[in-house]
Amino acid sequence: MNSRIILIAALIECMIPSCSQKSEHTTESKPDIITYAIINTSWLLQSFALDNNTRIIVPGGQQYAIVFIDSTTATGTNDCNTFSMNYVAGIHGAISMQGYSSTKIYCGAASNDATFKVVLQRSTNYEIINGSQLKIYSSDKDTFLTFTKR
């Protein structure tokens, strides 16, 4: 039993960025350990919370999803379009998303694609709740996107 605990602790410790093969002299920022919980994971948007205390449940027929491909690139669906962007995740759940590029199909007047894009581009923090819910917060903290793991 004790050997299993030691083995699990050793495996977890080696998942920490300090175990990487990179030189100690690199200036590259190292992602927070929680970042590894979002990499290679698909998240489906459930709702938008906007700064005017408005909550929008994603309407049927619209789909917004994000996949963090690696430690710097995210892709996904933005209603009827696909997108990609770069992100940097830092310590204590900090995140910055930039370089948003998307296909340009008109999704219709009822689409929330513009809101989704703006909140992602203004994101400053994220948190994972119970391993199955992801919240990405805008700088004002009252605006956020709520996703569930797919």
Protein backbone atom coordinates (compact mmCIF):
# COMPACT_ATOMS: atom_id res chain seq x y z
CA MET A 1 0.00 0.00 0.00
CA ASN A 2 2.76 2.47 0.97
CA SER A 3 4.69 1.68 -2.21
CA ARG A 4 1.59 2.57 -4.27
CA ILE A 5 1.27 5.92 -2.51
CA ILE A 6 4.96 6.67 -3.08
CA LEU A 7 4.65 5.70 -6.76
CA ILE A 8 1.58 7.90 -7.23
CA ALA A 9 3.30 10.82 -5.48
CA ALA A 10 6.38 10.39 -7.69
CA LEU A 11 4.23 10.35 -10.84
CA ILE A 12 2.37 13.49 -9.78
CA GLU A 13 5.63 15.24 -8.95
CA CYS A 14 7.02 14.47 -12.40
CA MET A 15 3.94 16.05 -13.98
CA ILE A 16 5.00 19.39 -12.47
CA PRO A 17 6.78 21.59 -15.05
CA SER A 18 10.04 21.51 -13.09
CA CYS A 19 10.52 17.90 -14.26
CA SER A 20 10.66 18.95 -17.90
CA GLN A 21 13.76 18.46 -20.00
CA LYS A 22 14.20 22.20 -20.67
CA SER A 23 17.27 24.04 -19.52
CA GLU A 24 17.13 26.03 -16.29
CA HIS A 25 18.28 29.06 -18.29
CA THR A 26 15.10 29.29 -20.40
CA THR A 27 12.94 32.41 -20.11
CA GLU A 28 9.77 30.60 -21.23
CA SER A 29 6.97 30.94 -18.70
CA LYS A 30 5.90 27.64 -17.18
CA PRO A 31 2.17 26.90 -16.99
CA ASP A 32 0.43 26.49 -13.67
CA ILE A 33 -0.03 22.81 -12.72
CA ILE A 34 -3.81 23.17 -13.11
CA THR A 35 -3.24 23.99 -16.79
CA TYR A 36 -2.61 20.30 -17.37
CA ALA A 37 -6.22 19.65 -16.39
CA ILE A 38 -7.47 21.58 -19.45
CA ILE A 39 -4.97 20.40 -22.08
CA ASN A 40 -6.38 17.86 -24.56
CA THR A 41 -9.84 18.32 -23.07
CA SER A 42 -12.98 19.42 -24.86
CA TRP A 43 -15.33 21.82 -23.07
CA LEU A 44 -18.91 22.57 -24.16
CA LEU A 45 -20.37 26.00 -23.30
CA GLN A 46 -23.49 25.90 -21.14
CA SER A 47 -24.02 29.59 -20.38
CA PHE A 48 -22.77 33.16 -20.59
CA ALA A 49 -22.87 35.45 -17.53
CA LEU A 50 -22.65 39.07 -18.64
CA ASP A 51 -21.57 42.09 -16.61
CA ASN A 52 -25.11 43.45 -16.41
CA ASN A 53 -26.15 40.36 -14.41
CA THR A 54 -27.66 38.73 -17.48
CA ARG A 55 -27.25 35.00 -17.83
CA ILE A 56 -27.73 33.46 -21.26
CA ILE A 57 -28.24 29.71 -21.50
CA VAL A 58 -26.89 28.46 -24.83
CA PRO A 59 -29.92 28.11 -27.10
CA GLY A 60 -30.70 24.78 -28.71
CA GLY A 61 -29.10 24.50 -32.11
CA GLN A 62 -26.12 26.67 -31.16
CA GLN A 63 -22.86 25.08 -30.11
CA TYR A 64 -19.85 26.73 -28.54
CA ALA A 65 -16.93 24.57 -27.53
CA ILE A 66 -13.24 24.95 -26.82
CA VAL A 67 -10.40 22.43 -26.90
CA PHE A 68 -7.02 23.32 -25.42
CA ILE A 69 -4.83 21.45 -27.92
CA ASP A 70 -1.56 21.99 -26.05
CA SER A 71 -0.14 24.49 -23.57
CA THR A 72 -0.46 27.42 -26.03
CA THR A 73 -3.21 26.72 -28.62
CA ALA A 74 -6.98 26.44 -28.33
CA THR A 75 -9.50 25.63 -31.06
CA GLY A 76 -13.23 25.21 -31.10
CA THR A 77 -16.65 25.99 -32.47
CA ASN A 78 -18.33 29.35 -32.25
CA ASP A 79 -21.93 28.57 -33.17
CA CYS A 80 -21.64 27.93 -36.94
CA ASN A 81 -17.92 28.80 -37.24
CA THR A 82 -14.66 27.26 -36.14
CA PHE A 83 -11.90 29.24 -34.45
CA SER A 84 -8.39 29.01 -33.12
CA MET A 85 -6.39 31.22 -30.80
CA ASN A 86 -3.30 31.33 -28.66
CA TYR A 87 -3.39 31.37 -24.89
CA VAL A 88 -1.01 31.67 -21.98
CA ALA A 89 -2.02 30.17 -18.66
CA GLY A 90 -0.13 31.36 -15.61
CA ILE A 91 -0.12 30.79 -11.89
CA HIS A 92 -3.26 30.88 -9.78
CA GLY A 93 -5.61 30.40 -12.75
CA ALA A 94 -4.46 33.40 -14.77
CA ILE A 95 -5.12 33.15 -18.51
CA SER A 96 -4.73 35.41 -21.50
CA MET A 97 -6.20 34.53 -24.89
CA GLN A 98 -5.10 36.30 -28.07
CA GLY A 99 -4.85 35.91 -31.82
CA TYR A 100 -8.45 34.86 -32.37
CA SER A 101 -9.06 33.72 -35.95
CA SER A 102 -12.30 32.28 -37.21
CA THR A 103 -14.20 31.25 -40.30
CA LYS A 104 -16.62 34.00 -41.33
CA ILE A 105 -19.97 32.31 -41.89
CA TYR A 106 -22.97 34.42 -40.86
CA CYS A 107 -24.64 32.47 -38.05
CA GLY A 108 -27.85 34.52 -37.90
CA ALA A 109 -29.17 37.39 -35.81
CA ALA A 110 -29.86 35.16 -32.78
CA SER A 111 -26.28 33.90 -32.58
CA ASN A 112 -24.12 34.72 -29.58
CA ASP A 113 -20.90 34.28 -31.57
CA ALA A 114 -19.75 37.90 -31.09
CA THR A 115 -20.29 37.72 -27.30
CA PHE A 116 -18.39 34.44 -27.08
CA LYS A 117 -15.44 35.88 -29.00
CA VAL A 118 -15.29 39.06 -26.90
CA VAL A 119 -15.37 37.22 -23.56
CA LEU A 120 -12.59 34.86 -24.69
CA GLN A 121 -10.45 37.77 -25.88
CA ARG A 122 -10.94 39.63 -22.57
CA SER A 123 -10.32 36.59 -20.39
CA THR A 124 -8.05 36.98 -17.38
CA ASN A 125 -8.76 33.97 -15.17
CA TYR A 126 -10.17 30.48 -15.23
CA GLU A 127 -11.08 27.83 -12.72
CA ILE A 128 -11.96 24.17 -12.89
CA ILE A 129 -14.71 23.05 -10.55
CA ASN A 130 -14.92 19.37 -9.53
CA GLY A 131 -12.92 18.41 -12.62
CA SER A 132 -16.00 18.70 -14.82
CA GLN A 133 -16.79 22.41 -15.07
CA LEU A 134 -14.61 25.18 -16.51
CA LYS A 135 -15.25 28.87 -15.96
CA ILE A 136 -13.37 31.48 -17.98
CA TYR A 137 -13.66 34.96 -16.49
CA SER A 138 -13.37 38.34 -18.15
CA SER A 139 -11.41 41.11 -16.43
CA ASP A 140 -14.48 42.39 -14.56
CA LYS A 141 -15.10 38.96 -12.94
CA ASP A 142 -18.86 39.41 -13.45
CA THR A 143 -18.61 38.28 -17.06
CA PHE A 144 -17.75 34.63 -17.57
CA LEU A 145 -18.35 31.56 -19.65
CA THR A 146 -19.39 28.28 -18.01
CA PHE A 147 -18.40 25.04 -19.77
CA THR A 148 -18.84 21.37 -18.95
CA LYS A 149 -16.33 18.70 -19.89
CA ARG A 150 -17.30 16.60 -22.90
